[in-house]
Amino acid sequence: MRRNAGLFVAISLLSGFGSSAMSLVAGIWILDLTGSDSLAALAGLCVFAPTLAGPWLGGLLDRAPRRPLVIGVNLTLSTVLLSLLAVRGPNQTWLIFAVSGAYGVSYVLIDAGETALLPAALSPEQLGDVNGWRSSAQEGMKLVAPLAGAGLYAWRGGHAVAVLSAVMPVLVAFLYAAVRLSRTPLDRPTTRYRGLRAGFAVLSGQRAMRVTVVLAAVSIAMSGFTTAANYAIVTTALGLPTTFLGVLLSAQGAGSILGGLVAGRLIARWGPVTVGVVGTVLFALSCLLRCLPWWPGVVAASVVAGVGLPWALVAAVTAVQTRTATAVLGRVAATANTAMFGPIALAIPLGSATVHLGGRPTLIAAAAICLTVAVGASYRRLLPRDAGRAPVTAADEEGLAPVVTTADRVRR
């Protein structure tokens, strides 16, 4: 089990390095080729857009052997990345967009596939810890990889970054092959689970999953909603240069690394719902701290946000892994990812419009929304009918009683 835990953390490090480096360089490369800021920004949209198709893409993971599919996706991604070697001028910019879209599809499939594989490789007690460690590894790469990618791009150009990024998925594929599965995940769902609505039905049928996913979705959406407000606080309210945003990003990254390292222990002690509530409250607190007319307070707010966001996310992922039957874990994980990351597409432009009222009102509104949802989740937890359920056992997996009831009700 320890061997598998180390392999999954290594997978997060390698995949996080490659994707973070390429995500930054793709925009820079397009900007250098075309001189267009808007076109450069569209590269990020291409990466994000496939997340909205998560419920459909996740269904593939329940219809095919999961480990071979995840390995195949990584090897395909490596091949696609090498197509960037054909980029020579503005006429080949479409290749960068196509590769960005391929990255987005691979994110959905690999994230959901890894979520589905983890319960077959680790004990339920280890899932929270390993999810936290993976989160810390990914956040750490977000600090290191963009600098490395930008430096390599400045030195040797985009082709060198493409080759480096193409090597990472190959190494990741080998690591997936080395993972020892204690039991083989079911390759096909039962007849009752077929169809797009199955993922939503299972996700909404278990309170721990439903509540933690909502908490994570609200926290992540509000992080996007306050993006423009953060700019306004730094440049207008505090009168600091825009480069200070780099300090805040590093502070948030440091908080995320620390938060991920302890998330698993807290989930084991308090349960995912409580950790999700605390993470959401911490993010709300960070929004209020950013309103202080004092730059050290803003730095502290970034650290607090860095701790809170991973707690909310890791709690939701762990709840999905421990409370979903193996047969539908792929589509449920992908549906949860769509639910958690989809709302940010609306939250970012909405926050950009709201910031015209001022940075602090936007931050206060985000804090109020997070606190309202957290209080609602805490209040519902006190009611007997909302008591948390134990993780899905082998017997549950055979009968799938709680989940089947909900799925059947939706179909009727």
Protein backbone atom coordinates (compact mmCIF):
# COMPACT_ATOMS: atom_id res chain seq x y z
CA MET A 1 0.00 0.00 0.00
CA ARG A 2 2.83 2.42 0.80
CA ARG A 3 4.37 1.60 -2.57
CA ASN A 4 1.13 2.50 -4.33
CA ALA A 5 0.83 5.73 -2.34
CA GLY A 6 4.32 6.76 -3.43
CA LEU A 7 3.53 5.93 -7.05
CA PHE A 8 0.38 8.07 -7.06
CA VAL A 9 2.24 11.02 -5.53
CA ALA A 10 4.98 10.63 -8.16
CA ILE A 11 2.29 10.56 -10.85
CA SER A 12 0.91 13.85 -9.53
CA LEU A 13 4.37 15.42 -9.52
CA LEU A 14 5.22 14.40 -13.09
CA SER A 15 1.83 15.13 -14.63
CA GLY A 16 1.57 18.41 -12.72
CA PHE A 17 4.99 19.52 -13.94
CA GLY A 18 4.27 18.78 -17.59
CA SER A 19 0.79 20.27 -17.69
CA SER A 20 1.63 23.41 -15.70
CA ALA A 21 4.66 24.17 -17.86
CA MET A 22 2.76 23.67 -21.11
CA SER A 23 -0.33 25.59 -19.98
CA LEU A 24 1.71 28.76 -19.45
CA VAL A 25 3.87 28.35 -22.54
CA ALA A 26 0.88 27.73 -24.83
CA GLY A 27 -0.46 31.22 -24.16
CA ILE A 28 2.97 32.84 -24.46
CA TRP A 29 3.65 30.99 -27.70
CA ILE A 30 0.35 32.09 -29.26
CA LEU A 31 0.97 35.66 -28.14
CA ASP A 32 4.42 35.68 -29.73
CA LEU A 33 3.10 34.21 -32.98
CA THR A 34 -0.01 36.37 -33.35
CA GLY A 35 0.49 39.41 -31.11
CA SER A 36 -3.09 38.91 -29.88
CA ASP A 37 -3.89 38.87 -26.15
CA SER A 38 -7.39 37.53 -26.77
CA LEU A 39 -6.13 34.59 -28.83
CA ALA A 40 -3.58 33.79 -26.15
CA ALA A 41 -6.34 33.73 -23.53
CA LEU A 42 -8.37 31.30 -25.66
CA ALA A 43 -5.73 28.61 -25.08
CA GLY A 44 -6.83 28.46 -21.45
CA LEU A 45 -10.47 28.23 -22.52
CA CYS A 46 -9.63 25.23 -24.73
CA VAL A 47 -8.13 23.47 -21.70
CA PHE A 48 -11.14 24.23 -19.51
CA ALA A 49 -14.03 23.59 -21.95
CA PRO A 50 -13.87 19.74 -21.95
CA THR A 51 -14.58 19.77 -18.20
CA LEU A 52 -18.19 20.56 -19.08
CA ALA A 53 -18.39 17.22 -20.91
CA GLY A 54 -17.25 15.34 -17.80
CA PRO A 55 -20.42 13.23 -17.35
CA TRP A 56 -20.16 11.93 -20.92
CA LEU A 57 -16.39 11.37 -20.87
CA GLY A 58 -16.58 9.72 -17.45
CA GLY A 59 -18.94 7.11 -18.88
CA LEU A 60 -16.05 5.79 -20.97
CA LEU A 61 -14.22 4.86 -17.78
CA ASP A 62 -17.10 2.64 -16.71
CA ARG A 63 -17.24 0.89 -20.09
CA ALA A 64 -13.55 0.08 -20.57
CA PRO A 65 -10.76 -1.30 -18.37
CA ARG A 66 -9.73 1.75 -16.39
CA ARG A 67 -5.99 1.33 -16.01
CA PRO A 68 -5.39 0.52 -19.71
CA LEU A 69 -7.59 3.47 -20.67
CA VAL A 70 -5.68 5.89 -18.42
CA ILE A 71 -2.35 4.58 -19.74
CA GLY A 72 -3.61 4.90 -23.31
CA VAL A 73 -4.76 8.48 -22.74
CA ASN A 74 -1.32 9.44 -21.41
CA LEU A 75 0.49 7.87 -24.36
CA THR A 76 -1.91 9.52 -26.81
CA LEU A 77 -1.37 12.88 -25.12
CA SER A 78 2.39 12.46 -25.52
CA THR A 79 1.96 11.84 -29.25
CA VAL A 80 -0.33 14.83 -29.63
CA LEU A 81 2.16 17.10 -27.85
CA LEU A 82 4.86 16.14 -30.34
CA SER A 83 2.68 17.54 -33.13
CA LEU A 84 3.70 20.98 -31.82
CA LEU A 85 7.08 20.41 -33.46
CA ALA A 86 5.29 21.35 -36.70
CA VAL A 87 4.52 24.87 -35.46
CA ARG A 88 6.65 27.33 -37.44
CA GLY A 89 4.55 30.46 -37.70
CA PRO A 90 1.09 32.02 -37.23
CA ASN A 91 -0.47 29.62 -39.75
CA GLN A 92 0.16 26.70 -37.40
CA THR A 93 -1.34 28.39 -34.33
CA TRP A 94 -4.36 26.12 -34.65
CA LEU A 95 -2.13 23.23 -33.59
CA ILE A 96 -1.52 24.87 -30.21
CA PHE A 97 -5.27 25.28 -29.73
CA ALA A 98 -5.84 21.65 -30.72
CA VAL A 99 -3.22 20.44 -28.25
CA SER A 100 -4.75 22.62 -25.52
CA GLY A 101 -8.11 20.99 -26.20
CA ALA A 102 -6.50 17.54 -26.06
CA TYR A 103 -5.01 18.47 -22.70
CA GLY A 104 -8.47 19.40 -21.47
CA VAL A 105 -9.97 16.06 -22.55
CA SER A 106 -7.07 14.17 -20.98
CA TYR A 107 -7.53 16.07 -17.70
CA VAL A 108 -11.14 14.89 -17.46
CA LEU A 109 -10.37 11.27 -18.32
CA ILE A 110 -7.18 10.98 -16.26
CA ASP A 111 -8.55 12.77 -13.18
CA ALA A 112 -11.70 10.65 -13.15
CA GLY A 113 -9.74 7.51 -13.99
CA GLU A 114 -7.26 8.08 -11.18
CA THR A 115 -10.09 8.78 -8.76
CA ALA A 116 -11.63 5.46 -9.77
CA LEU A 117 -8.34 3.54 -9.51
CA LEU A 118 -7.28 4.82 -6.10
CA PRO A 119 -9.86 2.82 -4.09
CA ALA A 120 -8.63 -0.35 -5.83
CA ALA A 121 -5.01 0.41 -4.92
CA LEU A 122 -5.32 1.84 -1.41
CA SER A 123 -7.26 1.09 1.74
CA PRO A 124 -10.13 3.46 2.61
CA GLU A 125 -8.08 4.77 5.56
CA GLN A 126 -5.28 5.85 3.19
CA LEU A 127 -7.41 7.66 0.63
CA GLY A 128 -7.68 10.95 2.50
CA ASP A 129 -3.94 11.13 3.18
CA VAL A 130 -2.95 10.26 -0.37
CA ASN A 131 -5.48 12.69 -1.85
CA GLY A 132 -3.98 15.41 0.34
CA TRP A 133 -0.43 14.49 -0.65
CA ARG A 134 -1.41 14.52 -4.32
CA SER A 135 -2.93 17.96 -3.86
CA SER A 136 0.28 19.23 -2.25
CA ALA A 137 2.36 17.74 -5.07
CA GLN A 138 0.22 19.39 -7.72
CA GLU A 139 0.32 22.76 -5.98
CA GLY A 140 4.07 22.49 -5.58
CA MET A 141 4.44 21.91 -9.32
CA LYS A 142 2.29 24.98 -10.02
CA LEU A 143 4.98 27.01 -8.28
CA VAL A 144 7.97 25.39 -9.98
CA ALA A 145 6.79 24.27 -13.43
CA PRO A 146 5.64 27.63 -14.89
CA LEU A 147 9.02 29.20 -14.08
CA ALA A 148 10.86 26.22 -15.56
CA GLY A 149 8.63 26.22 -18.64
CA ALA A 150 9.00 29.94 -19.22
CA GLY A 151 12.76 29.72 -18.75
CA LEU A 152 13.09 26.84 -21.20
CA TYR A 153 10.85 28.67 -23.69
CA ALA A 154 13.03 31.79 -23.47
CA TRP A 155 16.16 29.68 -23.92
CA ARG A 156 15.20 27.10 -26.56
CA GLY A 157 11.70 28.02 -27.72
CA GLY A 158 8.33 26.30 -27.67
CA HIS A 159 9.52 23.10 -29.34
CA ALA A 160 11.77 22.28 -26.38
CA VAL A 161 8.89 22.75 -23.94
CA ALA A 162 6.68 20.53 -26.11
CA VAL A 163 9.26 17.73 -26.05
CA LEU A 164 9.73 18.03 -22.28
CA SER A 165 5.97 17.99 -21.71
CA ALA A 166 5.61 14.98 -24.03
CA VAL A 167 8.06 12.97 -21.93
CA MET A 168 6.02 13.42 -18.75
CA PRO A 169 2.91 11.43 -19.84
CA VAL A 170 5.13 8.53 -20.97
CA LEU A 171 6.73 8.36 -17.53
CA VAL A 172 3.30 8.63 -15.92
CA ALA A 173 2.04 5.73 -18.04
CA PHE A 174 4.87 3.53 -16.75
CA LEU A 175 4.01 4.48 -13.17
CA TYR A 176 0.35 3.59 -13.69
CA ALA A 177 1.44 0.20 -15.01
CA ALA A 178 3.52 -0.34 -11.85
CA VAL A 179 0.58 0.25 -9.47
CA ARG A 180 -0.60 -2.93 -7.75
CA LEU A 181 -4.37 -3.21 -7.62
CA SER A 182 -5.72 -5.16 -4.64
CA ARG A 183 -8.92 -5.82 -6.54
CA THR A 184 -9.88 -5.31 -10.16
CA PRO A 185 -12.36 -2.48 -10.68
CA LEU A 186 -15.51 -3.58 -12.49
CA ASP A 187 -15.14 -2.79 -16.16
CA ARG A 188 -18.83 -2.42 -16.92
CA PRO A 189 -21.62 -0.92 -14.83
CA THR A 190 -24.79 -2.83 -14.12
CA THR A 191 -27.75 -2.20 -16.41
CA ARG A 192 -29.38 0.03 -13.80
CA TYR A 193 -26.53 2.52 -14.05
CA ARG A 194 -26.49 3.13 -17.77
CA GLY A 195 -27.18 6.59 -19.07
CA LEU A 196 -25.98 10.11 -18.40
CA ARG A 197 -28.26 10.70 -15.44
CA ALA A 198 -26.71 7.86 -13.45
CA GLY A 199 -23.71 10.00 -12.42
CA PHE A 200 -25.94 12.82 -11.18
CA ALA A 201 -28.31 10.37 -9.45
CA VAL A 202 -25.53 8.62 -7.53
CA LEU A 203 -23.85 11.90 -6.65
CA SER A 204 -27.03 13.40 -5.24
CA GLY A 205 -28.12 10.21 -3.49
CA GLN A 206 -25.45 10.27 -0.79
CA ARG A 207 -25.42 13.28 1.51
CA ALA A 208 -21.67 13.25 2.17
CA MET A 209 -20.95 13.40 -1.55
CA ARG A 210 -23.67 15.90 -2.31
CA VAL A 211 -22.70 18.34 0.44
CA THR A 212 -18.94 18.18 -0.03
CA VAL A 213 -19.19 18.60 -3.80
CA VAL A 214 -21.43 21.66 -3.32
CA LEU A 215 -19.00 23.12 -0.77
CA ALA A 216 -16.06 22.58 -3.12
CA ALA A 217 -17.99 23.99 -6.09
CA VAL A 218 -18.93 27.15 -4.19
CA SER A 219 -15.38 27.67 -2.85
CA ILE A 220 -13.79 27.16 -6.27
CA ALA A 221 -16.38 29.35 -8.00
CA MET A 222 -15.82 32.14 -5.47
CA SER A 223 -12.07 31.91 -6.03
CA GLY A 224 -12.76 32.75 -9.67
CA PHE A 225 -15.37 35.36 -8.74
CA THR A 226 -12.79 37.26 -6.66
CA THR A 227 -9.96 37.17 -9.22
CA ALA A 228 -10.64 40.67 -10.54
CA ALA A 229 -11.22 41.93 -6.98
CA ASN A 230 -7.77 40.71 -5.99
CA TYR A 231 -6.26 42.76 -8.80
CA ALA A 232 -8.22 45.80 -7.67
CA ILE A 233 -7.16 45.41 -4.04
CA VAL A 234 -3.49 45.19 -4.95
CA THR A 235 -3.30 47.94 -7.55
CA THR A 236 -6.00 50.39 -6.41
CA ALA A 237 -6.65 49.91 -2.69
CA LEU A 238 -3.05 49.19 -1.68
CA GLY A 239 -1.31 51.04 -4.50
CA LEU A 240 1.16 48.20 -5.06
CA PRO A 241 2.66 47.12 -8.41
CA THR A 242 1.05 44.27 -10.32
CA THR A 243 4.13 42.16 -9.67
CA PHE A 244 2.94 41.86 -6.05
CA LEU A 245 0.34 39.42 -7.38
CA GLY A 246 3.21 36.97 -7.82
CA VAL A 247 3.90 37.19 -4.09
CA LEU A 248 0.25 36.42 -3.35
CA LEU A 249 0.27 33.48 -5.76
CA SER A 250 3.34 32.04 -4.07
CA ALA A 251 1.79 32.56 -0.63
CA GLN A 252 -1.38 30.75 -1.71
CA GLY A 253 0.70 27.93 -3.17
CA ALA A 254 2.57 27.55 0.11
CA GLY A 255 -0.72 27.38 1.99
CA SER A 256 -2.03 24.76 -0.45
CA ILE A 257 1.02 22.57 0.08
CA LEU A 258 0.61 22.75 3.87
CA GLY A 259 -3.15 22.24 3.68
CA GLY A 260 -2.82 19.18 1.47
CA LEU A 261 -0.35 17.52 3.80
CA VAL A 262 -2.77 17.51 6.74
CA ALA A 263 -6.09 17.15 4.89
CA GLY A 264 -6.14 13.37 5.08
CA ARG A 265 -5.61 13.26 8.84
CA LEU A 266 -8.41 15.75 9.39
CA ILE A 267 -10.79 13.79 7.17
CA ALA A 268 -10.00 10.61 9.10
CA ARG A 269 -10.73 12.40 12.39
CA TRP A 270 -13.65 14.67 11.49
CA GLY A 271 -15.11 13.21 8.31
CA PRO A 272 -15.27 14.81 4.84
CA VAL A 273 -18.32 17.00 5.48
CA THR A 274 -16.74 18.76 8.47
CA VAL A 275 -13.44 19.28 6.63
CA GLY A 276 -15.33 20.61 3.60
CA VAL A 277 -17.23 23.06 5.83
CA VAL A 278 -14.03 24.24 7.54
CA GLY A 279 -12.27 24.65 4.18
CA THR A 280 -15.14 26.78 2.86
CA VAL A 281 -15.16 28.90 6.04
CA LEU A 282 -11.40 29.44 5.74
CA PHE A 283 -11.80 30.67 2.18
CA ALA A 284 -14.54 33.06 3.34
CA LEU A 285 -12.19 34.31 6.06
CA SER A 286 -9.47 34.89 3.46
CA CYS A 287 -11.87 37.08 1.45
CA LEU A 288 -12.55 39.21 4.51
CA LEU A 289 -8.83 39.47 5.35
CA ARG A 290 -8.15 40.79 1.84
CA CYS A 291 -10.38 43.75 2.66
CA LEU A 292 -7.86 44.99 5.24
CA PRO A 293 -5.87 48.07 4.12
CA TRP A 294 -2.63 46.33 5.07
CA TRP A 295 -0.47 44.31 2.70
CA PRO A 296 0.71 41.71 5.28
CA GLY A 297 -2.96 40.94 5.92
CA VAL A 298 -3.48 40.33 2.20
CA VAL A 299 -0.49 37.96 2.16
CA ALA A 300 -1.91 36.11 5.17
CA ALA A 301 -5.26 35.93 3.38
CA SER A 302 -3.59 34.18 0.45
CA VAL A 303 -2.07 31.58 2.77
CA VAL A 304 -5.46 30.98 4.42
CA ALA A 305 -7.13 30.63 1.00
CA GLY A 306 -4.41 28.19 0.01
CA VAL A 307 -5.27 26.00 2.99
CA GLY A 308 -9.05 26.25 2.65
CA LEU A 309 -9.47 25.46 -1.04
CA PRO A 310 -7.58 22.12 -0.97
CA TRP A 311 -9.47 21.05 2.16
CA ALA A 312 -12.79 21.59 0.41
CA LEU A 313 -11.58 19.84 -2.76
CA VAL A 314 -9.86 16.87 -1.06
CA ALA A 315 -12.90 16.33 1.18
CA ALA A 316 -15.18 16.11 -1.87
CA VAL A 317 -12.87 13.78 -3.81
CA THR A 318 -12.44 11.48 -0.81
CA ALA A 319 -16.19 11.37 -0.19
CA VAL A 320 -16.79 10.36 -3.80
CA GLN A 321 -14.13 7.64 -3.65
CA THR A 322 -15.33 6.08 -0.38
CA ARG A 323 -19.08 6.30 -0.98
CA THR A 324 -19.46 5.31 -4.63
CA ALA A 325 -19.80 1.76 -5.92
CA THR A 326 -16.90 0.69 -8.13
CA ALA A 327 -19.10 0.03 -11.15
CA VAL A 328 -20.00 3.71 -11.58
CA LEU A 329 -17.04 5.44 -9.98
CA GLY A 330 -15.68 6.71 -13.30
CA ARG A 331 -18.76 8.63 -14.33
CA VAL A 332 -19.55 9.81 -10.80
CA ALA A 333 -16.00 11.17 -10.40
CA ALA A 334 -16.19 12.94 -13.77
CA THR A 335 -19.63 14.34 -12.94
CA ALA A 336 -18.30 15.60 -9.60
CA ASN A 337 -15.40 17.32 -11.39
CA THR A 338 -17.83 19.04 -13.73
CA ALA A 339 -19.97 20.14 -10.79
CA MET A 340 -16.95 21.47 -8.89
CA PHE A 341 -15.10 23.22 -11.70
CA GLY A 342 -17.89 24.08 -14.15
CA PRO A 343 -19.38 27.05 -12.22
CA ILE A 344 -16.08 28.94 -12.35
CA ALA A 345 -16.73 29.61 -16.06
CA LEU A 346 -19.63 31.86 -15.05
CA ALA A 347 -18.08 33.15 -11.82
CA ILE A 348 -15.00 34.71 -13.44
CA PRO A 349 -16.84 37.03 -15.88
CA LEU A 350 -19.46 37.80 -13.22
CA GLY A 351 -16.72 38.84 -10.82
CA SER A 352 -15.11 40.96 -13.53
CA ALA A 353 -18.39 42.84 -13.90
CA THR A 354 -19.04 43.13 -10.15
CA VAL A 355 -15.60 44.57 -9.44
CA HIS A 356 -16.78 47.87 -10.96
CA LEU A 357 -18.60 48.33 -7.66
CA GLY A 358 -15.24 47.99 -5.89
CA GLY A 359 -12.91 45.21 -4.84
CA ARG A 360 -14.05 45.03 -1.23
CA PRO A 361 -17.81 44.66 -1.96
CA THR A 362 -17.00 41.77 -4.29
CA LEU A 363 -14.89 40.06 -1.64
CA ILE A 364 -17.54 40.59 1.04
CA ALA A 365 -20.20 39.11 -1.27
CA ALA A 366 -18.03 36.04 -1.90
CA ALA A 367 -17.44 35.59 1.83
CA ALA A 368 -21.18 35.88 2.52
CA ILE A 369 -22.00 33.23 -0.08
CA CYS A 370 -19.39 30.81 1.28
CA LEU A 371 -20.48 31.31 4.88
CA THR A 372 -24.14 30.84 3.98
CA VAL A 373 -23.45 27.53 2.27
CA ALA A 374 -21.17 26.38 5.13
CA VAL A 375 -23.78 27.23 7.76
CA GLY A 376 -26.43 25.42 5.73
CA ALA A 377 -24.25 22.32 5.50
CA SER A 378 -23.53 22.42 9.24
CA TYR A 379 -27.21 22.85 10.14
CA ARG A 380 -28.31 19.94 7.97
CA ARG A 381 -25.65 17.78 9.59
CA LEU A 382 -27.47 18.08 12.94
CA LEU A 383 -30.62 16.44 11.60
CA PRO A 384 -30.91 12.65 12.15
CA ARG A 385 -31.87 11.88 8.55
CA ASP A 386 -28.69 13.52 7.32
CA ALA A 387 -26.32 11.39 9.35
CA GLY A 388 -23.25 10.46 7.33
CA ARG A 389 -23.09 7.01 5.83
CA ALA A 390 -20.25 4.57 6.13
CA PRO A 391 -18.04 3.94 3.11
CA VAL A 392 -19.40 1.51 0.52
CA THR A 393 -18.49 -2.03 1.50
CA ALA A 394 -18.19 -5.12 -0.64
CA ALA A 395 -21.69 -6.14 0.39
CA ASP A 396 -23.05 -2.72 -0.48
CA GLU A 397 -21.36 -2.94 -3.82
CA GLU A 398 -23.22 -6.14 -4.58
CA GLY A 399 -26.61 -4.77 -3.65
CA LEU A 400 -25.97 -1.06 -4.21
CA ALA A 401 -29.20 -0.46 -2.33
CA PRO A 402 -28.94 3.25 -1.43
CA VAL A 403 -27.64 4.25 -4.82
CA VAL A 404 -29.97 2.08 -6.85
CA THR A 405 -32.97 3.51 -5.10
CA THR A 406 -32.02 7.04 -6.13
CA ALA A 407 -31.06 6.07 -9.67
CA ASP A 408 -34.28 4.13 -10.19
CA ARG A 409 -36.30 7.06 -8.87
CA VAL A 410 -34.67 9.43 -11.34
CA ARG A 411 -35.36 7.08 -14.25
CA ARG A 412 -39.02 6.78 -13.35
